[in-house]
Protein backbone atom coordinates (compact mmCIF):
# COMPACT_ATOMS: atom_id res chain seq x y z
CA UNK A 1 -130.50 111.97 -65.39
CA UNK A 2 -127.18 110.68 -64.09
CA UNK A 3 -125.45 108.18 -66.35
CA UNK A 4 -124.45 104.79 -64.99
CA UNK A 5 -120.83 103.65 -65.16
CA UNK A 6 -121.84 101.21 -67.90
CA UNK A 7 -123.31 104.04 -69.96
CA UNK A 8 -120.32 106.27 -69.34
CA UNK A 9 -117.73 103.71 -70.47
CA UNK A 10 -119.56 102.63 -73.62
CA UNK A 11 -116.74 101.71 -76.05
CA UNK A 12 -118.43 103.75 -78.78
CA UNK A 13 -117.47 107.06 -77.18
CA UNK A 14 -114.86 106.24 -74.51
CA UNK A 15 -111.11 106.79 -74.41
CA UNK A 16 -108.80 104.93 -72.06
CA UNK A 17 -106.15 107.44 -70.91
CA UNK A 18 -102.86 105.89 -69.77
CA UNK A 19 -100.89 108.60 -67.96
CA UNK A 20 -97.09 108.64 -67.71
CA UNK A 21 -96.42 104.94 -67.24
CA UNK A 22 -92.73 105.59 -67.95
CA UNK A 23 -89.57 104.24 -66.36
CA UNK A 24 -88.64 107.47 -64.59
CA UNK A 25 -91.95 107.34 -62.72
CA UNK A 26 -92.36 103.60 -62.15
CA UNK A 27 -88.96 101.87 -61.87
CA UNK A 28 -86.56 101.77 -58.87
CA UNK A 29 -83.74 103.12 -61.09
CA UNK A 30 -85.93 105.85 -62.51
CA UNK A 31 -85.48 109.47 -61.45
CA UNK A 32 -88.42 109.40 -59.03
CA UNK A 33 -87.32 106.11 -57.46
CA UNK A 34 -83.73 107.25 -57.02
CA UNK A 35 -84.97 110.46 -55.43
CA UNK A 36 -86.40 108.41 -52.57
CA UNK A 37 -90.05 108.10 -53.58
CA UNK A 38 -91.91 104.97 -52.54
CA UNK A 39 -92.80 103.17 -55.77
CA UNK A 40 -94.06 100.01 -54.05
CA UNK A 41 -97.62 100.61 -55.32
CA UNK A 42 -96.54 100.40 -58.97
CA UNK A 43 -96.53 96.57 -59.36
CA UNK A 44 -100.10 96.30 -58.09
CA UNK A 45 -101.19 99.14 -60.35
CA UNK A 46 -99.55 97.48 -63.35
CA UNK A 47 -101.18 94.14 -62.53
CA UNK A 48 -104.59 95.80 -62.89
CA UNK A 49 -103.73 98.16 -65.74
CA UNK A 50 -102.35 95.67 -68.25
CA UNK A 51 -105.50 93.50 -68.42
CA UNK A 52 -107.62 96.68 -68.58
CA UNK A 53 -105.68 97.76 -71.66
CA UNK A 54 -106.11 94.36 -73.26
CA UNK A 55 -109.85 94.37 -72.61
CA UNK A 56 -110.06 97.89 -74.03
CA UNK A 57 -108.39 96.63 -77.20
CA UNK A 58 -110.80 93.72 -77.51
CA UNK A 59 -113.77 96.06 -77.08
CA UNK A 60 -112.49 98.58 -79.63
CA UNK A 61 -111.98 101.38 -77.12
CA UNK A 62 -109.92 104.39 -78.22
CA UNK A 63 -106.65 104.46 -76.22
CA UNK A 64 -104.39 107.46 -75.54
CA UNK A 65 -100.93 106.83 -74.11
CA UNK A 66 -99.67 110.02 -72.47
CA UNK A 67 -95.93 110.51 -72.39
CA UNK A 68 -94.21 113.25 -70.38
CA UNK A 69 -91.11 114.91 -71.80
CA UNK A 70 -89.22 117.54 -69.79
CA UNK A 71 -86.43 118.64 -72.14
CA UNK A 72 -84.81 121.98 -71.38
CA UNK A 73 -86.79 124.06 -73.94
CA UNK A 74 -90.10 123.35 -72.17
CA UNK A 75 -88.88 123.95 -68.62
CA UNK A 76 -90.15 127.12 -67.01
CA UNK A 77 -88.56 128.76 -63.99
CA UNK A 78 -91.46 127.63 -61.80
CA UNK A 79 -91.27 124.00 -62.96
CA UNK A 80 -87.48 123.91 -62.70
CA UNK A 81 -87.61 125.22 -59.14
CA UNK A 82 -90.29 122.70 -58.16
CA UNK A 83 -88.33 119.77 -59.58
CA UNK A 84 -85.13 121.03 -58.02
CA UNK A 85 -86.72 120.76 -54.58
CA UNK A 86 -87.60 117.13 -55.34
CA UNK A 87 -84.22 116.19 -56.88
CA UNK A 88 -85.87 115.47 -60.22
CA UNK A 89 -83.01 116.63 -62.47
CA UNK A 90 -83.03 115.19 -66.02
CA UNK A 91 -86.52 113.74 -65.62
CA UNK A 92 -87.98 112.16 -68.77
CA UNK A 93 -85.48 113.45 -71.32
CA UNK A 94 -86.18 112.65 -74.97
CA UNK A 95 -84.55 109.39 -76.02
CA UNK A 96 -83.61 108.37 -72.49
CA UNK A 97 -84.46 105.07 -70.83
CA UNK A 98 -86.36 107.04 -68.20
CA UNK A 99 -88.70 108.56 -70.78
CA UNK A 100 -89.52 105.19 -72.34
CA UNK A 101 -92.78 103.45 -71.54
CA UNK A 102 -92.55 100.85 -68.78
CA UNK A 103 -92.28 97.24 -69.92
CA UNK A 104 -95.73 95.99 -70.91
CA UNK A 105 -97.02 99.39 -72.05
CA UNK A 106 -96.84 98.94 -75.80
CA UNK A 107 -98.82 101.40 -77.96
CA UNK A 108 -99.59 99.74 -81.27
CA UNK A 109 -99.74 101.22 -84.75
CA UNK A 110 -103.50 100.91 -85.14
CA UNK A 111 -106.10 103.64 -85.71
CA UNK A 112 -107.50 103.57 -82.17
CA UNK A 113 -104.19 103.89 -80.31
CA UNK A 114 -102.25 107.16 -80.19
CA UNK A 115 -99.35 108.63 -78.23
CA UNK A 116 -99.67 112.20 -76.98
CA UNK A 117 -96.61 113.96 -75.61
CA UNK A 118 -97.11 116.45 -72.80
CA UNK A 119 -94.81 118.89 -71.01
CA UNK A 120 -96.85 119.73 -67.93
CA UNK A 121 -98.76 117.75 -65.31
CA UNK A 122 -102.03 118.15 -67.20
CA UNK A 123 -102.13 116.81 -70.74
CA UNK A 124 -104.50 119.64 -71.67
CA UNK A 125 -101.71 122.22 -71.45
CA UNK A 126 -99.52 122.53 -74.51
CA UNK A 127 -100.50 119.30 -76.24
CA UNK A 128 -102.99 118.26 -78.92
CA UNK A 129 -104.99 115.89 -76.73
CA UNK A 130 -108.22 117.88 -76.87
CA UNK A 131 -108.01 118.03 -80.65
CA UNK A 132 -107.36 114.27 -80.82
CA UNK A 133 -110.30 113.51 -78.53
CA UNK A 134 -112.66 115.81 -80.42
CA UNK A 135 -111.61 114.36 -83.76
CA UNK A 136 -112.42 110.84 -82.57
CA UNK A 137 -115.80 111.60 -80.99
CA UNK A 138 -114.72 110.91 -77.42
CA UNK A 139 -117.11 111.79 -74.60
CA UNK A 140 -115.73 109.85 -71.61
CA UNK A 141 -112.16 109.56 -70.31
CA UNK A 142 -111.22 106.51 -68.25
CA UNK A 143 -108.21 107.65 -66.25
CA UNK A 144 -105.28 105.40 -65.34
CA UNK A 145 -101.55 105.80 -64.65
CA UNK A 146 -99.25 107.75 -62.35
CA UNK A 147 -99.14 109.66 -60.17
CA UNK A 148 -102.71 109.66 -58.89
CA UNK A 149 -102.70 113.10 -57.27
CA UNK A 150 -100.40 114.82 -59.78
CA UNK A 151 -100.61 114.12 -63.52
CA UNK A 152 -103.64 111.82 -63.38
CA UNK A 153 -105.69 114.22 -61.28
CA UNK A 154 -104.51 117.31 -63.17
CA UNK A 155 -105.52 115.77 -66.50
CA UNK A 156 -108.82 114.52 -65.07
CA UNK A 157 -109.72 117.95 -63.72
CA UNK A 158 -108.90 119.72 -66.98
CA UNK A 159 -110.78 117.07 -68.95
CA UNK A 160 -113.83 117.69 -66.79
CA UNK A 161 -113.51 121.45 -67.35
CA UNK A 162 -113.58 120.74 -71.09
CA UNK A 163 -116.85 118.88 -70.63
CA UNK A 164 -115.68 115.27 -70.84
CA UNK A 165 -117.17 112.72 -68.47
CA UNK A 166 -114.45 111.38 -66.17
CA UNK A 167 -114.19 107.85 -64.75
CA UNK A 168 -111.13 106.79 -62.77
CA UNK A 169 -110.23 103.10 -62.68
CA UNK A 170 -109.54 102.75 -58.96
CA UNK A 171 -106.78 100.09 -58.98
CA UNK A 172 -105.18 101.36 -62.20
CA UNK A 173 -103.74 104.57 -60.75
CA UNK A 174 -100.69 104.72 -58.53
CA UNK A 175 -99.03 107.16 -56.16
CA UNK A 176 -95.89 107.34 -54.03
CA UNK A 177 -98.13 107.78 -50.99
CA UNK A 178 -101.22 105.79 -50.02
CA UNK A 179 -102.51 108.83 -48.16
CA UNK A 180 -102.22 111.12 -51.19
CA UNK A 181 -103.73 108.45 -53.43
CA UNK A 182 -106.77 108.17 -51.17
CA UNK A 183 -107.14 111.92 -50.79
CA UNK A 184 -107.05 112.41 -54.55
CA UNK A 185 -109.78 109.84 -55.06
CA UNK A 186 -111.97 111.57 -52.48
CA UNK A 187 -111.54 114.92 -54.22
CA UNK A 188 -112.22 113.52 -57.70
CA UNK A 189 -115.23 111.50 -56.58
CA UNK A 190 -116.76 114.49 -54.86
CA UNK A 191 -116.35 117.09 -57.58
CA UNK A 192 -114.97 115.81 -60.88
CA UNK A 193 -115.36 112.11 -61.61
CA UNK A 194 -116.78 108.72 -60.80
CA UNK A 195 -114.44 106.16 -59.29
CA UNK A 196 -115.03 102.56 -60.36
CA UNK A 197 -113.21 99.27 -59.78
CA UNK A 198 -111.25 98.25 -62.85
CA UNK A 199 -112.96 94.84 -62.78
CA UNK A 200 -116.34 96.56 -63.17
CA UNK A 201 -115.14 98.54 -66.18
CA UNK A 202 -113.62 95.39 -67.70
CA UNK A 203 -116.90 93.51 -67.23
CA UNK A 204 -118.78 96.13 -69.25
CA UNK A 205 -116.20 96.08 -72.02
CA UNK A 206 -116.19 92.27 -72.08
CA UNK A 207 -119.91 92.14 -72.82
CA UNK A 208 -119.94 95.10 -75.22
CA UNK A 209 -121.19 94.08 -78.63
CA UNK A 210 -119.09 94.70 -81.74
CA UNK A 211 -120.31 97.71 -83.64
CA UNK A 212 -119.73 101.32 -84.52
CA UNK A 213 -117.07 103.20 -82.61
CA UNK A 214 -116.77 106.96 -82.94
CA UNK A 215 -113.05 106.73 -83.78
CA UNK A 216 -113.68 104.61 -86.87
CA UNK A 217 -113.24 106.49 -90.12
CA UNK A 218 -116.59 105.40 -91.55
CA UNK A 219 -118.39 106.52 -88.41
CA UNK A 220 -116.56 109.84 -88.39
CA UNK A 221 -117.55 110.46 -92.02
CA UNK A 222 -121.17 109.55 -91.29
CA UNK A 223 -121.34 112.23 -88.63
CA UNK A 224 -120.03 115.01 -90.88
CA UNK A 225 -122.46 117.77 -91.83
CA UNK A 226 -121.94 118.17 -95.57
CA UNK A 227 -124.75 120.45 -96.72
CA UNK A 228 -125.73 123.89 -95.52
CA UNK A 229 -129.10 122.46 -94.52
CA UNK A 230 -127.42 119.92 -92.25
CA UNK A 231 -125.14 122.51 -90.72
CA UNK A 232 -127.80 125.13 -90.07
CA UNK A 233 -130.07 123.06 -87.87
CA UNK A 234 -131.14 125.35 -84.99
CA UNK A 235 -130.74 122.39 -82.62
CA UNK A 236 -126.96 122.62 -82.91
CA UNK A 237 -126.37 126.12 -84.31
CA UNK A 238 -125.39 129.36 -82.59
CA UNK A 239 -125.49 132.88 -83.97
CA UNK A 240 -122.47 134.84 -82.71
CA UNK A 241 -122.71 138.61 -83.14
CA UNK A 242 -119.33 140.34 -82.94
CA UNK A 243 -118.86 143.91 -81.66
CA UNK A 244 -122.26 145.33 -82.56
CA UNK A 245 -121.49 148.29 -80.29
CA UNK A 246 -121.95 152.02 -80.62
CA UNK A 247 -118.26 152.82 -80.99
CA UNK A 248 -118.08 150.55 -84.04
CA UNK A 249 -121.57 150.81 -85.53
CA UNK A 250 -123.07 154.21 -84.70
CA UNK A 251 -122.23 157.30 -86.72
CA UNK A 252 -121.29 159.08 -83.48
CA UNK A 253 -119.15 156.16 -82.31
CA UNK A 254 -115.45 156.71 -81.73
CA UNK A 255 -114.35 154.36 -84.51
CA UNK A 256 -116.62 155.88 -87.14
CA UNK A 257 -116.20 159.53 -86.16
CA UNK A 258 -112.60 159.44 -87.39
CA UNK A 259 -113.74 159.30 -91.01
CA UNK A 260 -112.97 156.82 -93.74
CA UNK A 261 -116.57 156.43 -94.85
CA UNK A 262 -119.33 154.88 -92.75
CA UNK A 263 -122.02 153.91 -95.23
CA UNK A 264 -121.15 150.21 -95.41
CA UNK A 265 -121.29 149.71 -91.64
CA UNK A 266 -124.44 151.80 -91.18
CA UNK A 267 -126.21 149.89 -93.97
CA UNK A 268 -125.20 146.54 -92.42
CA UNK A 269 -126.71 147.23 -88.99
CA UNK A 270 -130.37 146.73 -90.01
CA UNK A 271 -129.48 143.56 -91.89
CA UNK A 272 -127.80 142.15 -88.78
CA UNK A 273 -130.88 143.12 -86.78
CA UNK A 274 -133.02 141.13 -89.23
CA UNK A 275 -130.68 138.12 -88.90
CA UNK A 276 -130.92 138.34 -85.12
CA UNK A 277 -134.72 138.52 -85.14
CA UNK A 278 -135.04 135.58 -87.51
CA UNK A 279 -132.52 133.48 -85.59
CA UNK A 280 -134.49 134.03 -82.42
CA UNK A 281 -137.71 133.07 -84.19
CA UNK A 282 -136.12 129.78 -85.34
CA UNK A 283 -134.95 128.88 -81.85
CA UNK A 284 -131.26 129.30 -82.66
CA UNK A 285 -128.91 129.98 -79.76
CA UNK A 286 -127.66 133.59 -79.76
CA UNK A 287 -124.44 134.90 -78.22
CA UNK A 288 -123.35 138.52 -78.12
CA UNK A 289 -119.61 139.20 -78.21
CA UNK A 290 -118.52 142.67 -77.14
CA UNK A 291 -115.17 144.40 -76.87
CA UNK A 292 -113.94 146.09 -73.73
CA UNK A 293 -110.67 147.98 -73.83
CA UNK A 294 -108.94 150.35 -71.43
CA UNK A 295 -106.06 150.38 -68.94
CA UNK A 296 -107.13 147.22 -67.10
CA UNK A 297 -106.58 145.11 -70.23
CA UNK A 298 -103.85 147.05 -72.03
CA UNK A 299 -100.85 145.07 -73.16
CA UNK A 300 -98.87 144.26 -76.27
CA UNK A 301 -101.77 142.34 -77.82
CA UNK A 302 -104.39 145.01 -77.11
CA UNK A 303 -106.45 146.28 -80.05
CA UNK A 304 -105.10 149.70 -80.98
CA UNK A 305 -106.57 152.08 -83.57
CA UNK A 306 -103.32 153.49 -84.89
CA UNK A 307 -104.80 154.78 -88.13
CA UNK A 308 -107.51 156.60 -86.17
CA UNK A 309 -105.18 158.22 -83.63
CA UNK A 310 -104.34 161.20 -85.75
CA UNK A 311 -102.18 159.28 -88.23
CA UNK A 312 -102.87 160.13 -91.84
CA UNK A 313 -104.32 157.47 -94.12
CA UNK A 314 -101.50 155.32 -95.52
CA UNK A 315 -98.92 156.69 -93.12
CA UNK A 316 -98.98 153.85 -90.60
CA UNK A 317 -96.68 151.73 -92.69
CA UNK A 318 -93.98 154.40 -92.54
CA UNK A 319 -93.87 154.54 -88.74
CA UNK A 320 -91.54 152.50 -86.59
CA UNK A 321 -92.83 150.13 -83.92
CA UNK A 322 -91.54 152.55 -81.31
CA UNK A 323 -93.51 155.41 -82.87
CA UNK A 324 -96.69 153.37 -82.87
CA UNK A 325 -96.20 152.42 -79.23
CA UNK A 326 -95.93 156.10 -78.32
CA UNK A 327 -99.35 157.05 -79.65
CA UNK A 328 -101.52 158.47 -76.84
CA UNK A 329 -103.33 155.59 -75.14
CA UNK A 330 -106.51 157.60 -74.72
CA UNK A 331 -106.72 157.97 -78.52
CA UNK A 332 -105.79 154.38 -79.26
CA UNK A 333 -108.71 152.53 -77.71
CA UNK A 334 -112.46 152.31 -77.99
CA UNK A 335 -115.21 150.56 -76.04
CA UNK A 336 -114.12 151.68 -72.60
CA UNK A 337 -116.24 149.85 -69.97
CA UNK A 338 -119.15 151.89 -68.69
CA UNK A 339 -119.28 154.24 -71.69
CA UNK A 340 -122.03 154.70 -74.26
CA UNK A 341 -119.57 153.60 -76.91
CA UNK A 342 -119.18 150.18 -75.30
CA UNK A 343 -122.95 149.59 -75.21
CA UNK A 344 -124.68 147.48 -77.83
CA UNK A 345 -126.40 149.31 -80.66
CA UNK A 346 -130.07 149.77 -79.86
CA UNK A 347 -132.00 146.61 -80.70
CA UNK A 348 -128.90 144.43 -80.95
CA UNK A 349 -128.31 143.58 -77.32
CA UNK A 350 -129.18 140.36 -75.48
CA UNK A 351 -132.73 139.51 -74.43
CA UNK A 352 -133.97 136.79 -72.13
CA UNK A 353 -131.29 134.22 -71.37
CA UNK A 354 -129.00 135.21 -74.24
CA UNK A 355 -125.42 135.43 -73.01
CA UNK A 356 -122.83 138.18 -73.46
CA UNK A 357 -119.17 137.32 -73.99
CA UNK A 358 -116.73 140.09 -73.11
CA UNK A 359 -113.45 140.04 -75.01
CA UNK A 360 -110.30 142.13 -74.74
CA UNK A 361 -108.58 141.05 -77.93
CA UNK A 362 -109.74 140.79 -81.54
CA UNK A 363 -110.87 137.15 -81.36
CA UNK A 364 -113.93 136.31 -79.32
CA UNK A 365 -112.24 133.06 -78.25
CA UNK A 366 -109.12 134.55 -76.62
CA UNK A 367 -109.36 134.47 -72.81
CA UNK A 368 -113.18 134.38 -72.87
CA UNK A 369 -115.98 131.91 -72.13
CA UNK A 370 -117.21 131.72 -75.73
CA UNK A 371 -115.94 128.18 -76.35
CA UNK A 372 -117.30 127.10 -72.95
CA UNK A 373 -120.80 128.37 -73.77
CA UNK A 374 -120.79 126.70 -77.17
CA UNK A 375 -119.57 123.37 -75.80
CA UNK A 376 -122.08 123.46 -72.96
CA UNK A 377 -124.95 123.42 -75.48
CA UNK A 378 -123.30 120.95 -77.89
CA UNK A 379 -123.12 123.53 -80.65
CA UNK A 380 -121.67 122.23 -83.92
CA UNK A 381 -122.18 125.22 -86.24
CA UNK A 382 -121.33 128.85 -85.59
CA UNK A 383 -122.90 131.62 -87.70
CA UNK A 384 -120.93 134.84 -87.39
CA UNK A 385 -121.94 138.40 -88.20
CA UNK A 386 -120.64 141.77 -87.02
CA UNK A 387 -117.76 144.18 -87.45
CA UNK A 388 -115.17 144.63 -88.65
CA UNK A 389 -114.86 141.95 -91.27
CA UNK A 390 -111.09 141.72 -91.57
CA UNK A 391 -110.28 142.18 -87.88
CA UNK A 392 -112.58 140.90 -85.13
CA UNK A 393 -114.98 138.95 -87.34
CA UNK A 394 -112.22 137.15 -89.21
CA UNK A 395 -110.18 136.54 -86.04
CA UNK A 396 -113.20 135.00 -84.31
CA UNK A 397 -114.20 133.03 -87.41
CA UNK A 398 -110.75 131.52 -87.88
CA UNK A 399 -110.59 130.48 -84.22
CA UNK A 400 -114.04 128.90 -84.46
CA UNK A 401 -112.92 126.78 -87.42
CA UNK A 402 -109.71 125.78 -85.63
CA UNK A 403 -111.83 124.59 -82.71
CA UNK A 404 -113.75 122.29 -85.06
CA UNK A 405 -116.99 124.22 -85.34
CA UNK A 406 -118.66 124.34 -88.73
CA UNK A 407 -118.39 127.98 -89.77
CA UNK A 408 -120.92 130.09 -91.65
CA UNK A 409 -120.17 133.80 -92.09
CA UNK A 410 -123.01 136.17 -92.98
CA UNK A 411 -121.72 137.76 -96.18
CA UNK A 412 -123.91 140.86 -96.00
CA UNK A 413 -123.88 140.87 -92.19
CA UNK A 414 -120.27 141.98 -91.90
CA UNK A 415 -118.73 145.32 -92.76
CA UNK A 416 -115.77 147.70 -92.63
CA UNK A 417 -115.35 151.40 -93.13
CA UNK A 418 -115.75 152.28 -96.79
CA UNK A 419 -112.06 152.94 -97.40
CA UNK A 420 -111.26 149.38 -96.30
CA UNK A 421 -113.68 147.67 -98.71
CA UNK A 422 -110.81 145.82 -100.38
CA UNK A 423 -109.86 144.30 -97.02
CA UNK A 424 -113.47 143.23 -96.47
CA UNK A 425 -113.56 141.46 -99.83
CA UNK A 426 -110.20 139.79 -99.27
CA UNK A 427 -111.21 138.64 -95.80
CA UNK A 428 -114.42 137.01 -97.01
CA UNK A 429 -112.53 135.33 -99.83
CA UNK A 430 -110.01 133.87 -97.39
CA UNK A 431 -112.76 132.62 -95.09
CA UNK A 432 -114.71 131.14 -98.00
CA UNK A 433 -111.64 129.41 -99.42
CA UNK A 434 -110.08 127.96 -96.28
CA UNK A 435 -112.36 128.08 -93.24
CA UNK A 436 -116.09 127.74 -93.89
CA UNK A 437 -119.16 128.91 -95.78
CA UNK A 438 -119.86 132.55 -96.62
CA UNK A 439 -123.57 132.97 -97.27
CA UNK A 440 -126.06 135.85 -97.62
CA UNK A 441 -128.37 136.49 -94.69
CA UNK A 442 -131.51 135.60 -96.66
CA UNK A 443 -130.18 132.11 -97.38
CA UNK A 444 -129.09 131.60 -93.77
CA UNK A 445 -132.51 132.63 -92.50
CA UNK A 446 -134.39 130.50 -95.03
CA UNK A 447 -132.30 127.46 -94.11
CA UNK A 448 -132.84 127.94 -90.38
CA UNK A 449 -136.59 128.21 -90.90
CA UNK A 450 -136.72 125.18 -93.19
CA UNK A 451 -135.95 123.05 -90.13
CA UNK A 452 -138.75 124.72 -88.21
CA UNK A 453 -141.18 123.89 -91.03
CA UNK A 454 -139.97 120.29 -91.16
CA UNK A 455 -140.58 119.88 -87.43
CA UNK A 456 -144.10 121.27 -87.77
CA UNK A 457 -144.81 118.97 -90.71
CA UNK A 458 -143.70 115.91 -88.75
CA UNK A 459 -146.00 116.92 -85.89
CA UNK A 460 -149.08 116.96 -88.11
């Protein structure tokens, strides 16, 4: 069911985003004005924006003031060339009058008002805005500021792609061209956002009752999942299996055939299969992460099995970086697409609508759709099992925690080759100490099923 504007802009979960209302963009003596841009729309935009901000404050809305800074260290060749064509030299330099907020835009030192600095059109590139929004329980972004078709639209699009609801306050955005302003609104309304008059948004905020707001510390604490039982509710939990593929988990797989002892991995496979079966039975979301290597993805960050490419145990540390780079590529990679080695171990592949995430680096989150799939289903807890503990499992687990998922690692559902047992133990200790819970499979399964029993009991 489509949400109404009133539902979307509920102060409990809404952030007002004020984009780049800075002198260089809004004032006649600013860089954009001096470059010949028509800033005549700015006064009208400000006349609507300032009361919207005040009403947001009265309603307890979370407010983010975006500030662009284009100091030399953040300028790329592409951006420098683009700004050179527009005569935008020295735009929004730190400490300059041009980078300061326009008169009337006055972020206050209160918990629900923050300043986020950005260095690209979209605030979601190279800034902490997504982290700030997640931390404060924001679901809807009300977009305002300048310029409509550039930084406002870029941020709105990227916010939508990160699964925020987008509402643009029609009179509270401004452009240097009425035609571009109108075109941007058409595009956003069609595909990314709802456009609403600022007076309508203000009317909803004016009648909003005082109460809990997601940004409030007490509310944030109340939403935390403290116990394992709270975290492992199948309604918001996903099981993520990492690299349960033949090359890593079968005795004839490329990674295991090089020696180093295989008993730990081979003994872990049936336990992971049990975890998978029980997770399915509890209704828990299941995602299968698999590695694919090979020439199409080879680069500096590619996984490379140096110790398994004919290098004696313990000798890797004595080789130079140049020597490592010269190891034969065909011996340095596993899980080549289309090979038996890249296939899932029998009984550990996806069934039904379970999704596969293909990765080309150690972490399942790097350049993949894993985070997208988890966000789409409002997952809060990630249970991770797979191989190898200290490499792909730990890399994926750390990234999950840094993306604000509750992390549970299956202690006896991860493994390494026998000679690396010390690395396995150290990895689990690091994860347990700094990133999440490390629990045996039997406890994970029992906790998942306890929710199933509770639901059945309530139905009786």
